[in-house]
Protein backbone atom coordinates (compact mmCIF):
# COMPACT_ATOMS: atom_id res chain seq x y z
CA UNK A 1 167.82 122.41 -62.93
CA UNK A 2 166.03 122.02 -66.55
CA UNK A 3 162.40 123.02 -66.43
CA UNK A 4 159.86 121.52 -69.04
CA UNK A 5 156.71 123.37 -70.20
CA UNK A 6 153.73 121.65 -69.21
CA UNK A 7 151.87 123.12 -72.60
CA UNK A 8 155.27 121.75 -74.54
CA UNK A 9 154.10 117.71 -75.97
CA UNK A 10 156.91 115.45 -75.07
CA UNK A 11 159.69 115.18 -78.34
CA UNK A 12 160.06 111.60 -79.64
CA UNK A 13 163.54 111.16 -81.57
CA UNK A 14 163.95 111.50 -84.85
CA UNK A 15 166.57 108.70 -84.63
CA UNK A 16 164.87 106.22 -81.84
CA UNK A 17 161.46 106.63 -83.87
CA UNK A 18 158.58 104.16 -82.76
CA UNK A 19 158.92 101.94 -85.40
CA UNK A 20 162.97 101.58 -84.68
CA UNK A 21 162.14 101.21 -81.17
CA UNK A 22 159.37 98.03 -81.45
CA UNK A 23 162.16 96.80 -83.41
CA UNK A 24 164.43 96.55 -80.93
CA UNK A 25 162.24 95.44 -78.07
CA UNK A 26 160.89 92.80 -80.71
CA UNK A 27 164.68 91.24 -81.76
CA UNK A 28 165.56 91.76 -78.02
CA UNK A 29 162.63 89.17 -77.05
CA UNK A 30 163.29 86.66 -80.27
CA UNK A 31 166.48 86.82 -81.23
CA UNK A 32 165.60 86.40 -84.85
CA UNK A 33 165.49 89.15 -88.32
CA UNK A 34 162.70 90.05 -89.05
CA UNK A 35 161.59 88.64 -92.66
CA UNK A 36 158.62 90.02 -94.55
CA UNK A 37 157.96 90.96 -98.91
CA UNK A 38 157.56 93.74 -100.95
CA UNK A 39 160.09 96.04 -101.01
CA UNK A 40 161.52 99.02 -99.95
CA UNK A 41 158.94 101.26 -97.24
CA UNK A 42 161.61 104.39 -97.05
CA UNK A 43 161.39 107.18 -99.44
CA UNK A 44 163.80 107.28 -102.06
CA UNK A 45 164.14 109.65 -104.39
CA UNK A 46 161.61 108.31 -107.27
CA UNK A 47 160.17 109.18 -110.76
CA UNK A 48 157.49 111.52 -109.20
CA UNK A 49 161.00 113.94 -108.36
CA UNK A 50 160.76 114.19 -112.20
CA UNK A 51 158.89 116.04 -114.52
CA UNK A 52 157.99 116.41 -118.46
CA UNK A 53 158.58 119.49 -120.42
CA UNK A 54 155.52 119.73 -122.29
CA UNK A 55 155.54 121.14 -126.66
CA UNK A 56 154.49 124.60 -126.83
CA UNK A 57 156.54 126.30 -129.79
CA UNK A 58 160.10 125.65 -129.49
CA UNK A 59 158.21 121.95 -130.11
CA UNK A 60 155.35 120.78 -131.51
CA UNK A 61 152.57 118.44 -129.65
CA UNK A 62 151.19 115.85 -131.71
CA UNK A 63 147.08 115.91 -131.28
CA UNK A 64 145.67 113.72 -128.94
CA UNK A 65 144.39 110.69 -129.44
CA UNK A 66 144.47 111.32 -134.27
CA UNK A 67 148.67 111.27 -134.94
CA UNK A 68 150.36 107.79 -134.30
CA UNK A 69 152.27 107.25 -131.12
CA UNK A 70 154.42 103.87 -131.98
CA UNK A 71 154.67 102.03 -128.46
CA UNK A 72 155.92 98.60 -129.45
CA UNK A 73 159.37 96.89 -129.11
CA UNK A 74 161.66 94.34 -129.72
CA UNK A 75 163.81 92.22 -127.28
CA UNK A 76 166.84 89.95 -128.47
CA UNK A 77 167.69 91.51 -131.55
CA UNK A 78 171.93 91.37 -130.63
CA UNK A 79 172.26 87.15 -131.26
CA UNK A 80 168.64 85.93 -130.81
CA UNK A 81 166.89 84.02 -134.02
CA UNK A 82 163.88 84.78 -132.59
CA UNK A 83 163.61 88.56 -130.79
CA UNK A 84 160.25 88.77 -128.59
CA UNK A 85 157.88 91.35 -130.30
CA UNK A 86 155.85 93.28 -127.94
CA UNK A 87 152.99 95.47 -128.67
CA UNK A 88 153.62 97.58 -125.37
CA UNK A 89 156.48 97.68 -123.28
CA UNK A 90 155.67 97.27 -120.36
CA UNK A 91 156.70 93.87 -119.14
CA UNK A 92 155.52 91.39 -116.31
CA UNK A 93 158.22 90.78 -113.60
CA UNK A 94 159.60 87.14 -112.61
CA UNK A 95 157.87 86.21 -109.40
CA UNK A 96 157.78 82.50 -108.55
CA UNK A 97 155.04 79.59 -108.17
CA UNK A 98 155.85 79.06 -104.43
CA UNK A 99 155.65 82.51 -103.88
CA UNK A 100 152.39 83.40 -106.17
CA UNK A 101 149.22 80.89 -106.41
CA UNK A 102 149.15 78.49 -109.23
CA UNK A 103 146.21 81.03 -110.39
CA UNK A 104 147.89 83.88 -109.90
CA UNK A 105 150.61 83.20 -111.95
CA UNK A 106 147.59 81.93 -114.38
CA UNK A 107 145.98 85.58 -113.89
CA UNK A 108 149.34 87.02 -115.25
CA UNK A 109 149.60 84.64 -118.06
CA UNK A 110 146.39 86.07 -118.89
CA UNK A 111 146.17 89.26 -118.91
CA UNK A 112 150.19 89.93 -120.48
CA UNK A 113 148.47 88.09 -123.79
CA UNK A 114 145.75 89.96 -123.33
CA UNK A 115 148.00 93.42 -123.45
CA UNK A 116 150.63 91.99 -126.22
CA UNK A 117 153.58 91.52 -123.76
CA UNK A 118 155.34 89.18 -122.13
CA UNK A 119 155.51 87.77 -118.49
CA UNK A 120 158.00 85.32 -116.51
CA UNK A 121 158.40 83.13 -114.76
CA UNK A 122 160.42 83.40 -111.59
CA UNK A 123 162.42 81.11 -109.31
CA UNK A 124 160.80 77.50 -108.98
CA UNK A 125 160.08 76.26 -112.69
CA UNK A 126 157.22 76.45 -114.80
CA UNK A 127 153.62 75.41 -114.87
CA UNK A 128 151.95 73.96 -117.59
CA UNK A 129 148.85 77.08 -116.91
CA UNK A 130 151.26 79.69 -117.16
CA UNK A 131 152.64 78.33 -120.31
CA UNK A 132 149.37 77.44 -121.43
CA UNK A 133 148.08 81.24 -120.56
CA UNK A 134 150.98 82.97 -121.87
CA UNK A 135 151.79 83.87 -125.25
CA UNK A 136 155.60 84.63 -124.38
CA UNK A 137 156.52 83.54 -121.46
CA UNK A 138 160.46 84.29 -119.98
CA UNK A 139 161.84 81.77 -118.35
CA UNK A 140 163.88 82.86 -115.24
CA UNK A 141 167.00 80.58 -114.68
CA UNK A 142 168.38 81.76 -111.31
CA UNK A 143 171.28 80.62 -108.81
CA UNK A 144 168.44 77.78 -107.00
CA UNK A 145 167.99 75.93 -110.23
CA UNK A 146 164.89 75.41 -108.71
CA UNK A 147 162.54 73.54 -111.71
CA UNK A 148 165.87 74.19 -114.31
CA UNK A 149 165.04 71.20 -116.92
CA UNK A 150 165.94 72.10 -120.69
CA UNK A 151 162.34 70.94 -122.27
CA UNK A 152 161.76 73.91 -120.02
CA UNK A 153 164.40 76.07 -121.75
CA UNK A 154 163.04 75.60 -124.52
CA UNK A 155 159.34 75.80 -123.87
CA UNK A 156 160.34 79.57 -123.36
CA UNK A 157 160.36 82.15 -125.94
CA UNK A 158 163.37 83.64 -123.25
CA UNK A 159 165.33 82.85 -120.70
CA UNK A 160 166.45 85.56 -117.60
CA UNK A 161 169.75 84.35 -116.09
CA UNK A 162 169.29 86.04 -112.86
CA UNK A 163 172.08 87.20 -110.92
CA UNK A 164 170.72 90.33 -108.34
CA UNK A 165 167.19 91.47 -107.35
CA UNK A 166 166.94 94.75 -106.17
CA UNK A 167 165.36 94.10 -103.23
CA UNK A 168 168.22 91.90 -101.94
CA UNK A 169 171.56 92.48 -104.11
CA UNK A 170 174.14 89.78 -103.73
CA UNK A 171 171.25 87.94 -100.76
CA UNK A 172 169.45 85.00 -101.73
CA UNK A 173 165.58 84.44 -101.00
CA UNK A 174 163.12 82.52 -99.09
CA UNK A 175 160.43 80.88 -99.27
CA UNK A 176 158.74 79.81 -95.82
CA UNK A 177 157.49 75.93 -94.99
CA UNK A 178 153.80 77.36 -95.26
CA UNK A 179 153.85 77.89 -98.90
CA UNK A 180 156.12 74.19 -99.80
CA UNK A 181 152.74 72.63 -100.74
CA UNK A 182 153.28 69.05 -102.45
CA UNK A 183 153.41 70.38 -105.85
CA UNK A 184 155.75 73.23 -105.41
CA UNK A 185 158.12 70.50 -103.34
CA UNK A 186 157.54 68.11 -107.02
CA UNK A 187 158.80 71.27 -109.09
CA UNK A 188 161.54 72.54 -107.24
CA UNK A 189 162.49 68.75 -105.88
CA UNK A 190 162.30 70.17 -101.86
CA UNK A 191 160.91 67.76 -98.65
CA UNK A 192 157.22 69.50 -97.87
CA UNK A 193 156.66 72.21 -95.13
CA UNK A 194 160.38 72.73 -94.98
CA UNK A 195 161.94 76.23 -94.81
CA UNK A 196 164.09 76.91 -98.20
CA UNK A 197 166.36 79.45 -98.82
CA UNK A 198 167.62 80.50 -102.49
CA UNK A 199 171.17 80.45 -103.20
CA UNK A 200 172.76 84.13 -103.46
CA UNK A 201 175.34 83.08 -106.71
CA UNK A 202 175.44 80.99 -109.41
CA UNK A 203 176.65 77.13 -108.12
CA UNK A 204 178.87 77.35 -111.39
CA UNK A 205 180.07 80.25 -112.35
CA UNK A 206 181.97 82.87 -109.79
CA UNK A 207 182.64 86.03 -112.59
CA UNK A 208 182.03 87.19 -115.69
CA UNK A 209 183.98 84.94 -118.47
CA UNK A 210 181.87 82.37 -116.45
CA UNK A 211 178.60 83.63 -116.98
CA UNK A 212 179.83 83.89 -120.79
CA UNK A 213 180.15 80.56 -120.81
CA UNK A 214 177.09 79.89 -119.37
CA UNK A 215 175.26 82.29 -121.73
CA UNK A 216 176.51 79.40 -124.75
CA UNK A 217 175.51 76.20 -123.05
CA UNK A 218 171.92 77.97 -122.39
CA UNK A 219 171.94 79.13 -126.58
CA UNK A 220 173.24 75.29 -127.57
CA UNK A 221 170.42 73.79 -125.51
CA UNK A 222 167.60 76.50 -127.47
CA UNK A 223 169.38 76.52 -130.52
CA UNK A 224 170.77 79.82 -130.43
CA UNK A 225 166.94 81.03 -130.76
CA UNK A 226 166.47 82.55 -127.63
CA UNK A 227 167.06 86.00 -126.63
CA UNK A 228 168.89 85.91 -123.75
CA UNK A 229 168.65 88.57 -120.08
CA UNK A 230 171.05 89.10 -117.79
CA UNK A 231 168.89 90.62 -114.83
CA UNK A 232 171.59 92.66 -111.88
CA UNK A 233 169.77 93.82 -108.55
CA UNK A 234 171.00 97.81 -109.04
CA UNK A 235 174.26 98.22 -106.67
CA UNK A 236 176.93 98.06 -109.75
CA UNK A 237 174.43 99.29 -112.90
CA UNK A 238 177.41 100.93 -114.74
CA UNK A 239 180.37 97.83 -114.41
CA UNK A 240 177.74 95.01 -114.21
CA UNK A 241 175.41 95.92 -116.93
CA UNK A 242 179.43 96.42 -119.57
CA UNK A 243 180.16 93.42 -118.32
CA UNK A 244 176.55 91.42 -118.77
CA UNK A 245 176.91 92.85 -122.15
CA UNK A 246 180.39 92.07 -122.72
CA UNK A 247 179.37 88.27 -121.81
CA UNK A 248 176.63 88.37 -124.36
CA UNK A 249 173.32 89.12 -122.99
CA UNK A 250 170.52 90.06 -125.51
CA UNK A 251 168.99 91.61 -122.71
CA UNK A 252 170.57 93.42 -119.61
CA UNK A 253 167.14 93.80 -116.76
CA UNK A 254 168.05 96.05 -114.22
CA UNK A 255 165.90 96.48 -110.54
CA UNK A 256 166.06 99.04 -108.10
CA UNK A 257 165.65 98.75 -103.87
CA UNK A 258 162.05 99.72 -104.59
CA UNK A 259 161.66 96.30 -106.26
CA UNK A 260 159.45 93.59 -104.34
CA UNK A 261 160.43 90.16 -102.89
CA UNK A 262 158.46 87.54 -102.01
CA UNK A 263 160.52 87.19 -98.85
CA UNK A 264 163.94 87.91 -96.90
CA UNK A 265 165.57 90.65 -94.66
CA UNK A 266 163.93 93.49 -93.52
CA UNK A 267 167.74 94.98 -93.02
CA UNK A 268 168.40 93.93 -96.78
CA UNK A 269 165.48 95.45 -98.27
CA UNK A 270 165.62 98.54 -96.72
CA UNK A 271 169.78 98.81 -96.62
CA UNK A 272 171.10 97.52 -99.26
CA UNK A 273 170.53 98.40 -103.26
CA UNK A 274 170.28 101.96 -104.99
CA UNK A 275 166.69 103.55 -105.71
CA UNK A 276 165.15 102.34 -109.07
CA UNK A 277 165.94 106.36 -110.37
CA UNK A 278 169.82 106.01 -109.74
CA UNK A 279 170.56 102.81 -111.76
CA UNK A 280 169.22 103.70 -115.54
CA UNK A 281 171.80 106.16 -116.56
CA UNK A 282 174.82 104.51 -115.44
CA UNK A 283 173.88 101.66 -117.36
CA UNK A 284 172.75 103.68 -120.28
CA UNK A 285 176.03 105.45 -120.17
CA UNK A 286 177.99 101.53 -119.93
CA UNK A 287 175.77 100.73 -122.95
CA UNK A 288 176.67 103.74 -125.69
CA UNK A 289 180.60 103.87 -124.07
CA UNK A 290 180.20 99.48 -125.70
CA UNK A 291 178.23 101.16 -128.69
CA UNK A 292 175.54 99.06 -127.62
CA UNK A 293 172.44 100.89 -126.41
CA UNK A 294 169.11 99.79 -127.50
CA UNK A 295 171.19 96.75 -129.84
CA UNK A 296 171.46 95.46 -127.03
CA UNK A 297 168.27 96.61 -124.43
CA UNK A 298 167.67 97.85 -121.17
CA UNK A 299 164.23 96.92 -118.99
CA UNK A 300 164.46 98.74 -115.94
CA UNK A 301 162.73 97.76 -112.92
CA UNK A 302 161.44 98.64 -109.14
CA UNK A 303 158.90 100.07 -108.53
CA UNK A 304 157.04 101.34 -111.36
CA UNK A 305 153.27 102.61 -111.35
CA UNK A 306 151.99 104.32 -113.49
CA UNK A 307 152.79 105.55 -117.47
CA UNK A 308 154.41 108.46 -116.04
CA UNK A 309 156.70 105.78 -113.72
CA UNK A 310 156.93 103.62 -117.63
CA UNK A 311 157.77 107.35 -120.24
CA UNK A 312 160.09 108.52 -117.43
CA UNK A 313 161.91 105.20 -117.55
CA UNK A 314 162.78 105.32 -121.50
CA UNK A 315 163.17 109.16 -121.33
CA UNK A 316 166.18 108.31 -119.17
CA UNK A 317 167.55 104.88 -121.63
CA UNK A 318 165.79 102.18 -120.88
CA UNK A 319 163.67 99.94 -124.05
CA UNK A 320 161.33 98.60 -121.18
CA UNK A 321 159.91 98.18 -118.22
CA UNK A 322 159.29 95.76 -115.78
CA UNK A 323 156.28 95.53 -113.39
CA UNK A 324 155.94 93.04 -110.51
CA UNK A 325 154.19 94.58 -106.72
CA UNK A 326 151.83 96.63 -109.40
CA UNK A 327 150.38 94.08 -111.11
CA UNK A 328 149.77 92.08 -108.53
CA UNK A 329 148.04 95.32 -106.85
CA UNK A 330 145.78 95.08 -110.13
CA UNK A 331 145.19 91.40 -109.76
CA UNK A 332 143.74 92.26 -106.27
CA UNK A 333 146.65 91.92 -103.61
CA UNK A 334 146.13 94.09 -100.49
CA UNK A 335 142.81 94.36 -101.72
CA UNK A 336 140.65 96.82 -98.89
CA UNK A 337 137.89 94.07 -98.90
CA UNK A 338 139.75 92.18 -97.12
CA UNK A 339 140.91 94.12 -94.16
CA UNK A 340 139.35 92.12 -91.68
CA UNK A 341 141.56 89.50 -92.57
CA UNK A 342 144.32 91.10 -92.67
CA UNK A 343 143.86 93.22 -89.05
CA UNK A 344 144.22 89.13 -87.92
CA UNK A 345 147.32 88.21 -89.83
CA UNK A 346 148.75 91.75 -87.81
CA UNK A 347 148.69 93.87 -90.78
CA UNK A 348 146.65 95.51 -93.21
CA UNK A 349 146.47 96.23 -96.63
CA UNK A 350 149.04 97.70 -98.63
CA UNK A 351 151.21 97.19 -95.85
CA UNK A 352 152.43 93.55 -98.06
CA UNK A 353 153.39 92.14 -95.16
CA UNK A 354 152.56 89.03 -95.19
CA UNK A 355 153.32 87.66 -98.75
CA UNK A 356 155.73 85.36 -97.12
CA UNK A 357 152.94 83.41 -94.66
CA UNK A 358 151.53 82.00 -96.72
CA UNK A 359 147.59 83.03 -95.92
CA UNK A 360 147.08 85.36 -97.80
CA UNK A 361 143.29 86.59 -97.79
CA UNK A 362 143.25 87.45 -101.79
CA UNK A 363 144.06 84.17 -102.74
CA UNK A 364 147.55 85.77 -104.36
CA UNK A 365 150.57 85.03 -101.94
CA UNK A 366 149.39 81.57 -100.95
CA UNK A 367 149.16 78.28 -101.70
CA UNK A 368 145.77 77.41 -99.40
CA UNK A 369 143.97 75.54 -101.88
CA UNK A 370 140.76 77.48 -100.12
CA UNK A 371 141.78 80.71 -100.04
CA UNK A 372 143.28 80.25 -103.95
CA UNK A 373 139.40 79.75 -105.06
CA UNK A 374 138.81 83.40 -103.74
CA UNK A 375 141.21 84.88 -107.28
CA UNK A 376 139.72 84.01 -110.02
CA UNK A 377 142.36 84.19 -113.04
CA UNK A 378 139.85 85.03 -116.58
CA UNK A 379 138.33 88.07 -114.43
CA UNK A 380 142.38 88.57 -112.84
CA UNK A 381 143.52 88.45 -115.78
CA UNK A 382 141.31 91.17 -117.81
CA UNK A 383 141.59 93.35 -114.51
CA UNK A 384 145.61 93.35 -115.46
CA UNK A 385 144.95 93.84 -119.33
CA UNK A 386 142.66 96.79 -118.15
CA UNK A 387 145.72 97.60 -115.85
CA UNK A 388 148.28 97.58 -118.46
CA UNK A 389 146.20 99.13 -121.07
CA UNK A 390 145.88 102.65 -119.29
CA UNK A 391 149.53 102.33 -117.76
CA UNK A 392 150.03 102.22 -122.35
CA UNK A 393 147.67 105.30 -122.94
CA UNK A 394 149.26 107.48 -120.80
CA UNK A 395 152.66 106.82 -121.87
CA UNK A 396 151.61 107.67 -125.25
CA UNK A 397 149.74 110.70 -124.27
CA UNK A 398 153.03 112.12 -122.86
CA UNK A 399 154.99 110.97 -125.44
CA UNK A 400 152.32 113.42 -127.86
CA UNK A 401 152.23 116.22 -125.19
CA UNK A 402 156.47 116.13 -125.71
CA UNK A 403 155.89 116.07 -129.41
CA UNK A 404 156.76 112.08 -130.08
CA UNK A 405 155.59 109.88 -132.58
CA UNK A 406 157.38 107.05 -130.73
CA UNK A 407 157.74 106.11 -127.78
CA UNK A 408 161.60 105.32 -127.67
CA UNK A 409 161.58 108.89 -128.91
CA UNK A 410 161.63 109.88 -125.60
CA UNK A 411 164.73 111.65 -124.07
CA UNK A 412 166.45 113.23 -121.31
CA UNK A 413 166.05 116.63 -122.71
CA UNK A 414 161.94 116.50 -122.06
CA UNK A 415 163.01 115.86 -118.31
CA UNK A 416 163.63 118.39 -115.25
CA UNK A 417 163.90 117.15 -111.50
CA UNK A 418 162.50 119.03 -108.80
CA UNK A 419 165.30 118.08 -106.03
CA UNK A 420 168.86 118.12 -106.20
CA UNK A 421 169.21 114.42 -105.51
CA UNK A 422 166.72 113.35 -108.92
CA UNK A 423 168.66 115.50 -111.66
CA UNK A 424 171.94 114.56 -109.76
CA UNK A 425 170.76 110.95 -110.43
CA UNK A 426 168.58 111.52 -114.22
CA UNK A 427 171.32 113.72 -115.21
CA UNK A 428 168.60 116.24 -115.74
CA UNK A 429 168.39 119.45 -115.13
CA UNK A 430 166.90 121.27 -112.39
CA UNK A 431 163.94 122.62 -112.76
CA UNK A 432 164.29 125.94 -114.16
CA UNK A 433 167.97 126.00 -114.73
CA UNK A 434 170.60 123.54 -117.46
CA UNK A 435 172.18 122.45 -114.82
CA UNK A 436 173.03 119.34 -112.39
CA UNK A 437 175.16 118.54 -109.70
CA UNK A 438 178.43 116.94 -111.17
CA UNK A 439 177.48 118.55 -115.26
CA UNK A 440 180.46 118.96 -117.06
CA UNK A 441 182.35 122.55 -117.48
CA UNK A 442 180.55 123.82 -113.85
């Protein structure tokens, strides 16, 4: 006979928590899996688990804002005739016209241009507004080939061949019919209003040897002028980076599982891939083993939020970072001022559950003409530029405190980890020790 103390509250299962139970009931009632946007919502080791060691006696700090701290970076120096020069190593990740409104894409271009950095087209092709307001525009070349044409390849400043994405490595994307307007349908050569799924692999190559041929084709189309990026999802970063380099990439873009997506299966977002923090060091090791570190540039994306995150990524060996979700927040996405309307959609500001629905009250992840009017691309572009400026200043502040006059002089020796997991992933010592799990000699 069991006895339950009435003064003790009932104990719920950690395995079958309220969300899990609700999902089981939803799946049982509907027979379909859940689709949503954004990145993983589960907690994984991240940049917050690292700390910088500021200078004191053993290292000499630089004085505040008085002493120079260079933030510039050049991407595509390996083969391209016209590498890209950026004033800040913070770039805007690929997000498609279709997933985002035309005004949102214009705002991203405006903000990136003011800040002296690049933005990226995403799946779905290049709009004239985006090209017109982006000083430096990277053109994504995806398995779907939506909107792809030689003219736009030549109009771009760089080409990013997308092999995988952090939210769904090995999986394709989705664009629900309510976001396929006349213009989106025309650009993608799709029927209006019909759900579409982007392919998970390129139709004309099956491995790194074919990728090398594809890169050569793109170089010939663009007269060897444009840097060629290869973007991979964070799954096997050492081998994927090595194979991208051997195929002839100028730049490798590595996207961790905190990276977002406009829409895919929730089970993919939460259970496939690796944390961004776990991806960086293996990729850097691959570049070092091939003698290509800093010769082939490494861009890290997936959950970058602040100048501290930027500085930590660079200290671990990256050359630049890309932001997606954070840039949308900067221009006004999921703003609490629209909370009442988010509630009507069955979500809340900050949940990012609405991206695939096409009913975004902020006018960003929508093709609804009336909702789109809510986003002023000029004002939104200024907000993004302000955010990029703050992030850059934050990263500079940290670099100076560590005694460096250039962001890219930050190094793993400037870092310690707060947890065993972060120490192992970043391969930096656990705070207060000179050890991390797996360190040679221990």
